[in-house]
Amino acid sequence: MKGQQTTVRILLADDDEDDCMLAREALAESQLSSELCVVKDGEELLDYLYHRGEYANPDIYPRPNLILLDLNMPKKDGREALKEIKNDPKLRQIPVIVLTTSKAEEDISRTYYLGANSFIIKPMNFPSLVKMMQSIGNYWLEIVELPL
């Protein structure tokens, strides 16, 4: 990523409107050069990635550089969406960070087995969320090189 592009596209899949609002504010507070798009369930996430329905225009909904994925969502949960993403040769290179309230060992093991790049338990307060977003940004957007 370094030197390749200035704005990083992050796709957040989470059905909790408050969590989405806090994530958006934390990202802004963290001063990362990023663009955040939010989808509310696994089906909408896959529609975005495959440019289906309202997400048909790739110029308006470009491929994300990073996906933040909640596990417990309606319609298609994060586990199912993660499995589809990582089984698709065109999508599997997109890093997926599971961002959830679950602390269950089964969820941690299962999501790594399915191909998650990181598993992070959602912080309980805003300052911790900002710090987490800064850490994600520092690592995924400044240190590692991501495919275009």
N, C-alpha and C. Protein backbone atom coordinates (compact mmCIF):
# COMPACT_ATOMS: atom_id res chain seq x y z
N MET A 1 0.82 -1.19 0.00
CA MET A 1 0.00 0.00 0.00
C MET A 1 0.86 1.25 0.00
N LYS A 2 1.96 1.23 0.73
CA LYS A 2 2.76 2.43 0.87
C LYS A 2 3.14 2.98 -0.50
N GLY A 3 2.75 4.20 -0.74
CA GLY A 3 3.10 4.85 -1.98
C GLY A 3 2.23 4.46 -3.17
N GLN A 4 1.37 3.45 -3.02
CA GLN A 4 0.57 2.99 -4.14
C GLN A 4 -0.71 3.80 -4.28
N GLN A 5 -1.34 4.14 -3.18
CA GLN A 5 -2.54 4.95 -3.24
C GLN A 5 -2.68 5.69 -1.91
N THR A 6 -3.38 6.81 -1.95
CA THR A 6 -3.46 7.62 -0.75
C THR A 6 -4.67 7.30 0.11
N THR A 7 -5.78 6.89 -0.48
CA THR A 7 -6.97 6.59 0.28
C THR A 7 -7.24 5.10 0.25
N VAL A 8 -7.44 4.53 1.42
CA VAL A 8 -7.70 3.11 1.54
C VAL A 8 -9.20 2.90 1.70
N ARG A 9 -9.74 1.96 0.93
CA ARG A 9 -11.17 1.65 1.00
C ARG A 9 -11.40 0.53 2.00
N ILE A 10 -12.18 0.82 3.02
CA ILE A 10 -12.53 -0.16 4.04
C ILE A 10 -14.01 -0.45 3.94
N LEU A 11 -14.35 -1.72 3.90
CA LEU A 11 -15.74 -2.15 3.86
C LEU A 11 -16.07 -2.78 5.21
N LEU A 12 -17.02 -2.18 5.91
CA LEU A 12 -17.46 -2.66 7.22
C LEU A 12 -18.79 -3.38 7.07
N ALA A 13 -18.84 -4.63 7.50
CA ALA A 13 -20.09 -5.40 7.48
C ALA A 13 -20.53 -5.61 8.92
N ASP A 14 -21.58 -4.88 9.32
CA ASP A 14 -22.07 -4.93 10.70
C ASP A 14 -23.51 -4.45 10.71
N ASP A 15 -24.38 -5.18 11.39
CA ASP A 15 -25.80 -4.82 11.41
C ASP A 15 -26.16 -3.87 12.54
N ASP A 16 -25.23 -3.59 13.44
CA ASP A 16 -25.51 -2.70 14.58
C ASP A 16 -25.20 -1.26 14.17
N GLU A 17 -26.25 -0.45 14.03
CA GLU A 17 -26.07 0.94 13.58
C GLU A 17 -25.18 1.75 14.51
N ASP A 18 -25.29 1.53 15.81
CA ASP A 18 -24.45 2.25 16.76
C ASP A 18 -22.98 1.88 16.58
N ASP A 19 -22.70 0.59 16.41
CA ASP A 19 -21.32 0.15 16.18
C ASP A 19 -20.76 0.75 14.90
N CYS A 20 -21.59 0.81 13.87
CA CYS A 20 -21.15 1.39 12.59
C CYS A 20 -20.83 2.88 12.75
N MET A 21 -21.71 3.59 13.46
CA MET A 21 -21.48 5.02 13.68
C MET A 21 -20.20 5.23 14.49
N LEU A 22 -20.00 4.44 15.53
CA LEU A 22 -18.79 4.56 16.34
C LEU A 22 -17.55 4.21 15.54
N ALA A 23 -17.64 3.19 14.70
CA ALA A 23 -16.49 2.82 13.86
C ALA A 23 -16.15 3.95 12.91
N ARG A 24 -17.17 4.56 12.32
CA ARG A 24 -16.95 5.68 11.39
C ARG A 24 -16.27 6.84 12.12
N GLU A 25 -16.77 7.16 13.33
CA GLU A 25 -16.18 8.26 14.11
C GLU A 25 -14.76 7.92 14.56
N ALA A 26 -14.55 6.68 14.98
CA ALA A 26 -13.21 6.27 15.42
C ALA A 26 -12.22 6.31 14.27
N LEU A 27 -12.66 5.93 13.10
CA LEU A 27 -11.80 5.98 11.92
C LEU A 27 -11.43 7.42 11.60
N ALA A 28 -12.41 8.31 11.67
CA ALA A 28 -12.14 9.73 11.43
C ALA A 28 -11.18 10.28 12.49
N GLU A 29 -11.41 9.92 13.73
CA GLU A 29 -10.57 10.37 14.84
C GLU A 29 -9.14 9.84 14.71
N SER A 30 -9.00 8.66 14.14
CA SER A 30 -7.68 8.04 14.02
C SER A 30 -6.84 8.70 12.93
N GLN A 31 -7.46 9.55 12.13
CA GLN A 31 -6.79 10.34 11.08
C GLN A 31 -6.15 9.47 10.00
N LEU A 32 -6.77 8.32 9.74
CA LEU A 32 -6.30 7.49 8.64
C LEU A 32 -6.88 8.04 7.35
N SER A 33 -6.13 7.95 6.29
CA SER A 33 -6.63 8.38 4.99
C SER A 33 -7.43 7.22 4.42
N SER A 34 -8.72 7.19 4.79
CA SER A 34 -9.53 6.05 4.41
C SER A 34 -10.94 6.48 4.02
N GLU A 35 -11.58 5.58 3.31
CA GLU A 35 -12.95 5.76 2.88
C GLU A 35 -13.69 4.54 3.41
N LEU A 36 -14.75 4.76 4.19
CA LEU A 36 -15.48 3.66 4.80
C LEU A 36 -16.85 3.50 4.15
N CYS A 37 -17.14 2.28 3.74
CA CYS A 37 -18.46 1.93 3.24
C CYS A 37 -19.02 0.89 4.19
N VAL A 38 -20.31 0.97 4.49
CA VAL A 38 -20.93 0.07 5.46
C VAL A 38 -22.04 -0.73 4.79
N VAL A 39 -22.04 -2.03 5.06
CA VAL A 39 -23.13 -2.92 4.66
C VAL A 39 -23.66 -3.58 5.93
N LYS A 40 -24.93 -4.01 5.91
CA LYS A 40 -25.57 -4.42 7.16
C LYS A 40 -25.70 -5.93 7.37
N ASP A 41 -25.32 -6.73 6.38
CA ASP A 41 -25.37 -8.18 6.57
C ASP A 41 -24.48 -8.87 5.54
N GLY A 42 -24.32 -10.18 5.69
CA GLY A 42 -23.45 -10.93 4.80
C GLY A 42 -23.90 -10.94 3.36
N GLU A 43 -25.22 -10.96 3.13
CA GLU A 43 -25.72 -10.93 1.75
C GLU A 43 -25.36 -9.61 1.08
N GLU A 44 -25.54 -8.51 1.82
CA GLU A 44 -25.20 -7.19 1.26
C GLU A 44 -23.70 -7.08 1.02
N LEU A 45 -22.90 -7.67 1.90
CA LEU A 45 -21.45 -7.69 1.74
C LEU A 45 -21.08 -8.38 0.42
N LEU A 46 -21.67 -9.52 0.17
CA LEU A 46 -21.36 -10.25 -1.06
C LEU A 46 -21.92 -9.54 -2.29
N ASP A 47 -23.08 -8.90 -2.15
CA ASP A 47 -23.61 -8.08 -3.25
C ASP A 47 -22.61 -6.98 -3.61
N TYR A 48 -22.06 -6.34 -2.59
CA TYR A 48 -21.06 -5.28 -2.81
C TYR A 48 -19.85 -5.86 -3.55
N LEU A 49 -19.31 -6.96 -3.03
CA LEU A 49 -18.08 -7.53 -3.60
C LEU A 49 -18.28 -8.05 -5.02
N TYR A 50 -19.48 -8.56 -5.31
CA TYR A 50 -19.76 -9.09 -6.64
C TYR A 50 -20.47 -8.08 -7.55
N HIS A 51 -20.65 -6.85 -7.06
CA HIS A 51 -21.29 -5.78 -7.82
C HIS A 51 -22.68 -6.19 -8.32
N ARG A 52 -23.50 -6.63 -7.37
CA ARG A 52 -24.88 -7.02 -7.67
C ARG A 52 -25.85 -6.00 -7.09
N GLY A 53 -27.02 -5.92 -7.72
CA GLY A 53 -28.09 -5.07 -7.20
C GLY A 53 -27.67 -3.62 -7.11
N GLU A 54 -27.92 -3.00 -5.95
CA GLU A 54 -27.60 -1.57 -5.79
C GLU A 54 -26.10 -1.29 -5.85
N TYR A 55 -25.27 -2.32 -5.76
CA TYR A 55 -23.81 -2.16 -5.79
C TYR A 55 -23.23 -2.51 -7.16
N ALA A 56 -24.06 -2.49 -8.20
CA ALA A 56 -23.65 -2.93 -9.53
C ALA A 56 -22.54 -2.08 -10.15
N ASN A 57 -22.45 -0.81 -9.78
CA ASN A 57 -21.48 0.08 -10.41
C ASN A 57 -20.14 0.05 -9.66
N PRO A 58 -19.11 -0.59 -10.24
CA PRO A 58 -17.81 -0.67 -9.56
C PRO A 58 -17.10 0.67 -9.42
N ASP A 59 -17.51 1.66 -10.19
CA ASP A 59 -16.91 2.99 -10.04
C ASP A 59 -17.38 3.66 -8.75
N ILE A 60 -18.63 3.38 -8.38
CA ILE A 60 -19.19 3.94 -7.15
C ILE A 60 -18.84 3.05 -5.95
N TYR A 61 -18.77 1.74 -6.19
CA TYR A 61 -18.50 0.76 -5.13
C TYR A 61 -17.26 -0.05 -5.49
N PRO A 62 -16.08 0.57 -5.42
CA PRO A 62 -14.86 -0.13 -5.82
C PRO A 62 -14.47 -1.23 -4.83
N ARG A 63 -13.64 -2.11 -5.30
CA ARG A 63 -13.14 -3.20 -4.47
C ARG A 63 -12.47 -2.63 -3.21
N PRO A 64 -12.82 -3.15 -2.04
CA PRO A 64 -12.19 -2.65 -0.82
C PRO A 64 -10.77 -3.19 -0.67
N ASN A 65 -9.95 -2.45 0.06
CA ASN A 65 -8.60 -2.91 0.38
C ASN A 65 -8.61 -3.77 1.64
N LEU A 66 -9.68 -3.61 2.44
CA LEU A 66 -9.76 -4.26 3.74
C LEU A 66 -11.23 -4.43 4.11
N ILE A 67 -11.57 -5.58 4.70
CA ILE A 67 -12.94 -5.82 5.16
C ILE A 67 -12.93 -5.99 6.67
N LEU A 68 -13.78 -5.24 7.36
CA LEU A 68 -14.02 -5.42 8.79
C LEU A 68 -15.35 -6.15 8.90
N LEU A 69 -15.34 -7.33 9.51
CA LEU A 69 -16.48 -8.23 9.44
C LEU A 69 -16.99 -8.62 10.82
N ASP A 70 -18.25 -8.31 11.08
CA ASP A 70 -18.91 -8.79 12.29
C ASP A 70 -19.37 -10.21 12.02
N LEU A 71 -19.41 -11.05 13.06
CA LEU A 71 -19.83 -12.43 12.86
C LEU A 71 -21.33 -12.62 12.89
N ASN A 72 -21.99 -11.95 13.82
CA ASN A 72 -23.41 -12.19 14.05
C ASN A 72 -24.27 -11.14 13.35
N MET A 73 -24.71 -11.49 12.14
CA MET A 73 -25.55 -10.60 11.35
C MET A 73 -26.73 -11.39 10.80
N PRO A 74 -27.80 -10.69 10.44
CA PRO A 74 -28.95 -11.40 9.85
C PRO A 74 -28.68 -11.84 8.41
N LYS A 75 -29.59 -12.62 7.88
CA LYS A 75 -29.58 -13.14 6.51
C LYS A 75 -28.43 -14.11 6.29
N LYS A 76 -27.21 -13.59 6.23
CA LYS A 76 -26.02 -14.43 6.08
C LYS A 76 -25.02 -13.90 7.09
N ASP A 77 -24.62 -14.77 8.02
CA ASP A 77 -23.72 -14.27 9.07
C ASP A 77 -22.28 -14.15 8.56
N GLY A 78 -21.44 -13.60 9.39
CA GLY A 78 -20.06 -13.34 9.00
C GLY A 78 -19.27 -14.58 8.67
N ARG A 79 -19.57 -15.69 9.35
CA ARG A 79 -18.85 -16.94 9.10
C ARG A 79 -19.12 -17.42 7.67
N GLU A 80 -20.39 -17.38 7.27
CA GLU A 80 -20.77 -17.82 5.92
C GLU A 80 -20.16 -16.90 4.86
N ALA A 81 -20.23 -15.60 5.12
CA ALA A 81 -19.68 -14.62 4.17
C ALA A 81 -18.16 -14.80 4.05
N LEU A 82 -17.49 -14.99 5.18
CA LEU A 82 -16.04 -15.20 5.19
C LEU A 82 -15.67 -16.43 4.36
N LYS A 83 -16.41 -17.50 4.55
CA LYS A 83 -16.14 -18.73 3.80
C LYS A 83 -16.26 -18.49 2.30
N GLU A 84 -17.30 -17.77 1.88
CA GLU A 84 -17.47 -17.48 0.44
C GLU A 84 -16.36 -16.60 -0.10
N ILE A 85 -15.98 -15.58 0.68
CA ILE A 85 -14.92 -14.66 0.25
C ILE A 85 -13.61 -15.42 0.06
N LYS A 86 -13.26 -16.21 1.05
CA LYS A 86 -11.95 -16.89 1.01
C LYS A 86 -11.93 -18.09 0.06
N ASN A 87 -13.10 -18.55 -0.39
CA ASN A 87 -13.16 -19.62 -1.38
C ASN A 87 -13.19 -19.10 -2.81
N ASP A 88 -13.26 -17.79 -2.97
CA ASP A 88 -13.32 -17.19 -4.30
C ASP A 88 -11.93 -16.66 -4.68
N PRO A 89 -11.33 -17.20 -5.74
CA PRO A 89 -9.98 -16.75 -6.13
C PRO A 89 -9.88 -15.25 -6.40
N LYS A 90 -10.99 -14.62 -6.80
CA LYS A 90 -10.96 -13.18 -7.10
C LYS A 90 -11.06 -12.33 -5.85
N LEU A 91 -11.54 -12.89 -4.75
CA LEU A 91 -11.75 -12.11 -3.53
C LEU A 91 -10.81 -12.50 -2.39
N ARG A 92 -10.24 -13.69 -2.43
CA ARG A 92 -9.52 -14.21 -1.27
C ARG A 92 -8.33 -13.37 -0.83
N GLN A 93 -7.80 -12.53 -1.73
CA GLN A 93 -6.65 -11.70 -1.36
C GLN A 93 -7.03 -10.50 -0.49
N ILE A 94 -8.31 -10.17 -0.44
CA ILE A 94 -8.73 -9.02 0.39
C ILE A 94 -8.60 -9.43 1.85
N PRO A 95 -7.82 -8.72 2.64
CA PRO A 95 -7.71 -9.06 4.06
C PRO A 95 -9.05 -8.86 4.76
N VAL A 96 -9.41 -9.84 5.59
CA VAL A 96 -10.65 -9.78 6.35
C VAL A 96 -10.29 -9.81 7.83
N ILE A 97 -10.69 -8.74 8.52
CA ILE A 97 -10.51 -8.66 9.96
C ILE A 97 -11.86 -8.88 10.61
N VAL A 98 -11.96 -9.95 11.38
CA VAL A 98 -13.18 -10.21 12.12
C VAL A 98 -13.18 -9.27 13.31
N LEU A 99 -14.24 -8.49 13.42
CA LEU A 99 -14.39 -7.49 14.48
C LEU A 99 -15.73 -7.78 15.15
N THR A 100 -15.68 -8.41 16.33
CA THR A 100 -16.89 -8.94 16.93
C THR A 100 -16.87 -8.83 18.45
N THR A 101 -18.02 -9.03 19.06
CA THR A 101 -18.10 -9.05 20.52
C THR A 101 -17.84 -10.45 21.06
N SER A 102 -17.83 -11.44 20.19
CA SER A 102 -17.64 -12.83 20.62
C SER A 102 -16.23 -13.06 21.16
N LYS A 103 -16.17 -13.77 22.27
CA LYS A 103 -14.89 -14.18 22.83
C LYS A 103 -14.77 -15.70 22.80
N ALA A 104 -15.72 -16.35 22.11
CA ALA A 104 -15.77 -17.81 22.09
C ALA A 104 -14.57 -18.39 21.34
N GLU A 105 -13.90 -19.32 21.97
CA GLU A 105 -12.75 -19.98 21.35
C GLU A 105 -13.14 -20.65 20.03
N GLU A 106 -14.36 -21.18 19.97
CA GLU A 106 -14.85 -21.81 18.75
C GLU A 106 -14.91 -20.81 17.60
N ASP A 107 -15.37 -19.57 17.88
CA ASP A 107 -15.43 -18.53 16.84
C ASP A 107 -14.03 -18.14 16.39
N ILE A 108 -13.12 -18.01 17.33
CA ILE A 108 -11.74 -17.64 16.99
C ILE A 108 -11.12 -18.71 16.09
N SER A 109 -11.20 -19.96 16.53
CA SER A 109 -10.62 -21.06 15.75
C SER A 109 -11.28 -21.19 14.38
N ARG A 110 -12.60 -21.13 14.37
CA ARG A 110 -13.35 -21.33 13.12
C ARG A 110 -13.04 -20.24 12.10
N THR A 111 -13.00 -18.98 12.54
CA THR A 111 -12.76 -17.90 11.58
C THR A 111 -11.34 -17.95 11.02
N TYR A 112 -10.37 -18.32 11.84
CA TYR A 112 -9.02 -18.47 11.30
C TYR A 112 -8.97 -19.65 10.33
N TYR A 113 -9.67 -20.72 10.65
CA TYR A 113 -9.74 -21.87 9.76
C TYR A 113 -10.34 -21.47 8.41
N LEU A 114 -11.35 -20.60 8.44
CA LEU A 114 -12.01 -20.15 7.21
C LEU A 114 -11.18 -19.13 6.43
N GLY A 115 -10.10 -18.62 7.04
CA GLY A 115 -9.22 -17.71 6.31
C GLY A 115 -9.17 -16.28 6.80
N ALA A 116 -9.75 -15.99 7.97
CA ALA A 116 -9.67 -14.63 8.50
C ALA A 116 -8.20 -14.25 8.69
N ASN A 117 -7.90 -12.98 8.47
CA ASN A 117 -6.54 -12.50 8.64
C ASN A 117 -6.27 -12.04 10.07
N SER A 118 -7.32 -11.65 10.78
CA SER A 118 -7.20 -11.23 12.18
C SER A 118 -8.55 -11.42 12.86
N PHE A 119 -8.51 -11.59 14.16
CA PHE A 119 -9.72 -11.70 14.97
C PHE A 119 -9.57 -10.69 16.10
N ILE A 120 -10.46 -9.71 16.14
CA ILE A 120 -10.38 -8.65 17.15
C ILE A 120 -11.71 -8.55 17.87
N ILE A 121 -11.64 -8.53 19.19
CA ILE A 121 -12.85 -8.34 20.00
C ILE A 121 -13.12 -6.84 20.08
N LYS A 122 -14.36 -6.45 19.77
CA LYS A 122 -14.71 -5.03 19.75
C LYS A 122 -14.45 -4.39 21.11
N PRO A 123 -13.76 -3.26 21.12
CA PRO A 123 -13.56 -2.53 22.37
C PRO A 123 -14.89 -2.02 22.92
N MET A 124 -14.94 -1.86 24.22
CA MET A 124 -16.18 -1.47 24.89
C MET A 124 -16.35 0.04 25.03
N ASN A 125 -15.31 0.82 24.74
CA ASN A 125 -15.46 2.27 24.85
C ASN A 125 -14.82 2.96 23.65
N PHE A 126 -15.22 4.20 23.45
CA PHE A 126 -14.79 4.93 22.26
C PHE A 126 -13.27 5.16 22.19
N PRO A 127 -12.60 5.60 23.29
CA PRO A 127 -11.14 5.78 23.19
C PRO A 127 -10.41 4.49 22.80
N SER A 128 -10.88 3.36 23.30
CA SER A 128 -10.25 2.08 22.93
C SER A 128 -10.52 1.74 21.47
N LEU A 129 -11.71 2.09 20.99
CA LEU A 129 -12.05 1.86 19.59
C LEU A 129 -11.17 2.70 18.68
N VAL A 130 -10.94 3.95 19.05
CA VAL A 130 -10.06 4.82 18.27
C VAL A 130 -8.65 4.23 18.24
N LYS A 131 -8.17 3.79 19.39
CA LYS A 131 -6.82 3.20 19.47
C LYS A 131 -6.74 1.94 18.60
N MET A 132 -7.79 1.12 18.63
CA MET A 132 -7.82 -0.08 17.81
C MET A 132 -7.78 0.28 16.32
N MET A 133 -8.59 1.27 15.91
CA MET A 133 -8.60 1.69 14.51
C MET A 133 -7.23 2.22 14.09
N GLN A 134 -6.56 2.95 14.99
CA GLN A 134 -5.22 3.43 14.68
C GLN A 134 -4.26 2.26 14.50
N SER A 135 -4.39 1.25 15.36
CA SER A 135 -3.53 0.07 15.25
C SER A 135 -3.79 -0.68 13.96
N ILE A 136 -5.06 -0.85 13.61
CA ILE A 136 -5.41 -1.50 12.35
C ILE A 136 -4.81 -0.70 11.20
N GLY A 137 -5.00 0.61 11.26
CA GLY A 137 -4.47 1.47 10.20
C GLY A 137 -2.96 1.38 10.10
N ASN A 138 -2.29 1.46 11.24
CA ASN A 138 -0.82 1.40 11.22
C ASN A 138 -0.33 0.10 10.62
N TYR A 139 -0.94 -0.99 11.02
CA TYR A 139 -0.47 -2.29 10.54
C TYR A 139 -0.90 -2.57 9.10
N TRP A 140 -2.22 -2.55 8.86
CA TRP A 140 -2.75 -2.98 7.57
C TRP A 140 -2.58 -1.94 6.47
N LEU A 141 -2.49 -0.68 6.84
CA LEU A 141 -2.48 0.37 5.81
C LEU A 141 -1.12 1.04 5.64
N GLU A 142 -0.22 0.87 6.62
CA GLU A 142 1.08 1.52 6.52
C GLU A 142 2.25 0.56 6.53
N ILE A 143 2.13 -0.57 7.24
CA ILE A 143 3.26 -1.49 7.36
C ILE A 143 3.24 -2.55 6.27
N VAL A 144 2.13 -3.25 6.12
CA VAL A 144 2.07 -4.34 5.14
C VAL A 144 1.75 -3.81 3.75
N GLU A 145 2.13 -4.60 2.78
CA GLU A 145 1.79 -4.29 1.39
C GLU A 145 0.57 -5.11 1.02
N LEU A 146 -0.46 -4.46 0.55
CA LEU A 146 -1.69 -5.14 0.16
C LEU A 146 -1.78 -5.19 -1.35
N PRO A 147 -2.41 -6.25 -1.88
CA PRO A 147 -2.60 -6.30 -3.33
C PRO A 147 -3.61 -5.26 -3.77
N LEU A 148 -3.46 -4.79 -4.98
CA LEU A 148 -4.42 -3.82 -5.52
C LEU A 148 -5.67 -4.51 -5.97
